[in-house]
């Protein structure tokens, strides 16, 4: 769904994916979940299209610009 670029906040992402807060951030660090978009100094969210892509095939998702350490 390329046209869906609403911004979802963490609660909506957790609800849609079924993941906990800590799992979302762990998966971001691993590069297996979309990174959030910074909206302001203390506000961020996820593009709905990125979450839809992840939901379509979570096992195959790879974030290209991940911060793997």
N, C-alpha and C. Protein backbone atom coordinates (compact mmCIF):
# COMPACT_ATOMS: atom_id res chain seq x y z
N UNK A 1 0.83 -1.18 0.00
CA UNK A 1 0.00 0.00 0.00
C UNK A 1 0.87 1.25 0.00
N UNK A 2 1.44 1.63 -1.11
CA UNK A 2 2.35 2.74 -1.18
C UNK A 2 1.74 4.09 -0.82
N UNK A 3 0.44 4.27 -0.95
CA UNK A 3 -0.18 5.55 -0.65
C UNK A 3 -0.40 5.81 0.82
N UNK A 4 -0.21 4.82 1.67
CA UNK A 4 -0.46 4.98 3.10
C UNK A 4 0.78 5.52 3.80
N UNK A 5 0.90 6.83 3.89
CA UNK A 5 2.02 7.39 4.61
C UNK A 5 1.57 8.23 5.78
N UNK A 6 0.56 7.73 6.47
CA UNK A 6 0.20 8.35 7.74
C UNK A 6 1.31 8.02 8.72
N UNK A 7 1.44 8.81 9.75
CA UNK A 7 2.43 8.53 10.79
C UNK A 7 1.70 7.84 11.95
N UNK A 8 2.23 6.69 12.34
CA UNK A 8 1.67 5.93 13.46
C UNK A 8 2.56 6.12 14.68
N UNK A 9 1.95 6.37 15.81
CA UNK A 9 2.70 6.49 17.05
C UNK A 9 2.93 5.09 17.63
N UNK A 10 3.75 5.00 18.65
CA UNK A 10 4.17 3.72 19.20
C UNK A 10 2.99 2.84 19.61
N UNK A 11 1.99 3.40 20.25
CA UNK A 11 0.84 2.61 20.68
C UNK A 11 0.12 1.94 19.51
N UNK A 12 -0.04 2.68 18.42
CA UNK A 12 -0.69 2.12 17.24
C UNK A 12 0.18 1.04 16.60
N UNK A 13 1.49 1.26 16.58
CA UNK A 13 2.41 0.25 16.03
C UNK A 13 2.35 -1.02 16.86
N UNK A 14 2.36 -0.88 18.18
CA UNK A 14 2.28 -2.05 19.06
C UNK A 14 0.96 -2.78 18.85
N UNK A 15 -0.12 -2.05 18.70
CA UNK A 15 -1.43 -2.66 18.49
C UNK A 15 -1.49 -3.41 17.16
N UNK A 16 -1.00 -2.78 16.09
CA UNK A 16 -1.05 -3.40 14.75
C UNK A 16 -0.14 -4.61 14.63
N UNK A 17 1.04 -4.56 15.28
CA UNK A 17 2.02 -5.64 15.11
C UNK A 17 1.90 -6.72 16.17
N UNK A 18 1.34 -6.38 17.33
CA UNK A 18 1.29 -7.33 18.43
C UNK A 18 2.60 -7.43 19.19
N UNK A 19 3.52 -6.52 18.91
CA UNK A 19 4.82 -6.53 19.58
C UNK A 19 4.80 -5.61 20.79
N UNK A 20 5.63 -5.92 21.78
CA UNK A 20 5.77 -5.05 22.94
C UNK A 20 6.73 -3.91 22.60
N UNK A 21 6.75 -2.91 23.44
CA UNK A 21 7.64 -1.76 23.25
C UNK A 21 9.10 -2.20 23.17
N UNK A 22 9.52 -3.04 24.11
CA UNK A 22 10.92 -3.46 24.11
C UNK A 22 11.26 -4.29 22.88
N UNK A 23 10.33 -5.09 22.40
CA UNK A 23 10.58 -5.90 21.20
C UNK A 23 10.69 -5.00 19.97
N UNK A 24 9.86 -3.98 19.87
CA UNK A 24 9.94 -3.05 18.74
C UNK A 24 11.34 -2.42 18.70
N UNK A 25 11.81 -1.90 19.83
CA UNK A 25 13.11 -1.23 19.84
C UNK A 25 14.27 -2.21 19.67
N UNK A 26 14.13 -3.43 20.16
CA UNK A 26 15.17 -4.43 19.95
C UNK A 26 15.27 -4.79 18.48
N UNK A 27 14.12 -4.96 17.83
CA UNK A 27 14.10 -5.29 16.40
C UNK A 27 14.65 -4.14 15.56
N UNK A 28 14.40 -2.89 15.96
CA UNK A 28 14.98 -1.75 15.24
C UNK A 28 16.50 -1.82 15.32
N UNK A 29 17.00 -2.09 16.51
CA UNK A 29 18.46 -2.18 16.70
C UNK A 29 19.06 -3.31 15.87
N UNK A 30 18.34 -4.43 15.74
CA UNK A 30 18.80 -5.56 14.94
C UNK A 30 18.69 -5.30 13.44
N UNK A 31 17.86 -4.32 13.07
CA UNK A 31 17.63 -4.04 11.65
C UNK A 31 16.49 -4.85 11.06
N UNK A 32 15.68 -5.46 11.92
CA UNK A 32 14.58 -6.29 11.43
C UNK A 32 13.21 -5.64 11.63
N UNK A 33 13.19 -4.34 11.82
CA UNK A 33 11.94 -3.58 11.97
C UNK A 33 12.21 -2.17 11.47
N UNK A 34 11.21 -1.53 10.85
CA UNK A 34 11.43 -0.17 10.31
C UNK A 34 11.80 0.83 11.41
N UNK A 35 12.71 1.72 11.08
CA UNK A 35 13.09 2.79 12.01
C UNK A 35 12.01 3.86 12.04
N UNK A 36 11.90 4.53 13.14
CA UNK A 36 10.92 5.59 13.27
C UNK A 36 11.43 6.87 12.61
N UNK A 37 10.50 7.77 12.32
CA UNK A 37 10.78 9.06 11.71
C UNK A 37 10.69 10.10 12.81
N UNK A 38 11.72 10.94 12.92
CA UNK A 38 11.71 12.00 13.93
C UNK A 38 10.80 13.13 13.47
N UNK A 39 9.78 13.45 14.25
CA UNK A 39 8.82 14.49 13.88
C UNK A 39 9.16 15.83 14.52
N UNK A 40 9.68 15.78 15.73
CA UNK A 40 10.14 16.97 16.42
C UNK A 40 11.15 16.51 17.48
N UNK A 41 11.56 17.40 18.34
CA UNK A 41 12.59 17.07 19.32
C UNK A 41 12.23 15.85 20.17
N UNK A 42 10.99 15.75 20.63
CA UNK A 42 10.60 14.65 21.50
C UNK A 42 9.44 13.85 20.94
N UNK A 43 9.30 13.82 19.63
CA UNK A 43 8.17 13.14 19.02
C UNK A 43 8.63 12.38 17.78
N UNK A 44 8.28 11.10 17.73
CA UNK A 44 8.62 10.30 16.55
C UNK A 44 7.47 9.35 16.27
N UNK A 45 7.50 8.78 15.08
CA UNK A 45 6.47 7.83 14.69
C UNK A 45 6.97 7.01 13.51
N UNK A 46 6.15 6.11 13.05
CA UNK A 46 6.50 5.22 11.95
C UNK A 46 5.59 5.49 10.78
N UNK A 47 6.14 5.43 9.57
CA UNK A 47 5.31 5.54 8.37
C UNK A 47 4.44 4.29 8.29
N UNK A 48 3.16 4.49 8.03
CA UNK A 48 2.24 3.37 7.94
C UNK A 48 2.65 2.42 6.82
N UNK A 49 3.18 2.95 5.74
CA UNK A 49 3.61 2.11 4.62
C UNK A 49 4.76 1.19 5.04
N UNK A 50 5.66 1.66 5.90
CA UNK A 50 6.77 0.83 6.38
C UNK A 50 6.24 -0.29 7.27
N UNK A 51 5.27 0.02 8.11
CA UNK A 51 4.68 -1.01 8.98
C UNK A 51 3.92 -2.03 8.14
N UNK A 52 3.21 -1.56 7.11
CA UNK A 52 2.49 -2.48 6.21
C UNK A 52 3.46 -3.42 5.50
N UNK A 53 4.60 -2.90 5.07
CA UNK A 53 5.62 -3.73 4.42
C UNK A 53 6.14 -4.78 5.40
N UNK A 54 6.40 -4.38 6.62
CA UNK A 54 6.88 -5.32 7.64
C UNK A 54 5.82 -6.38 7.92
N UNK A 55 4.57 -5.98 8.04
CA UNK A 55 3.48 -6.92 8.33
C UNK A 55 3.29 -7.93 7.19
N UNK A 56 3.57 -7.52 5.96
CA UNK A 56 3.40 -8.42 4.82
C UNK A 56 4.36 -9.60 4.89
N UNK A 57 5.57 -9.39 5.41
CA UNK A 57 6.55 -10.47 5.52
C UNK A 57 7.60 -10.12 6.57
N UNK A 58 7.27 -10.25 7.85
CA UNK A 58 8.19 -9.84 8.91
C UNK A 58 9.52 -10.61 8.93
N UNK A 59 9.51 -11.85 8.51
CA UNK A 59 10.73 -12.66 8.56
C UNK A 59 11.73 -12.22 7.49
N UNK A 60 11.27 -11.64 6.41
CA UNK A 60 12.16 -11.26 5.31
C UNK A 60 12.55 -9.78 5.37
N UNK A 61 11.98 -9.01 6.31
CA UNK A 61 12.26 -7.57 6.36
C UNK A 61 13.70 -7.32 6.81
N UNK A 62 14.39 -6.45 6.08
CA UNK A 62 15.73 -6.01 6.46
C UNK A 62 15.80 -4.51 6.27
N UNK A 63 16.11 -3.80 7.33
CA UNK A 63 16.27 -2.36 7.25
C UNK A 63 17.66 -2.08 6.70
N UNK A 64 17.74 -1.39 5.58
CA UNK A 64 19.03 -1.17 4.92
C UNK A 64 19.94 -0.24 5.70
N UNK A 65 19.38 0.73 6.40
CA UNK A 65 20.18 1.70 7.14
C UNK A 65 20.17 1.43 8.63
N UNK A 66 20.28 0.17 9.01
CA UNK A 66 20.21 -0.16 10.43
C UNK A 66 21.52 0.17 11.13
N UNK A 67 21.43 0.33 12.42
CA UNK A 67 22.62 0.63 13.24
C UNK A 67 23.08 -0.64 13.93
N UNK A 68 23.51 -1.59 13.16
CA UNK A 68 23.96 -2.86 13.73
C UNK A 68 25.31 -2.69 14.38
N UNK A 69 25.41 -3.22 15.59
CA UNK A 69 26.69 -3.15 16.33
C UNK A 69 27.15 -4.53 16.67
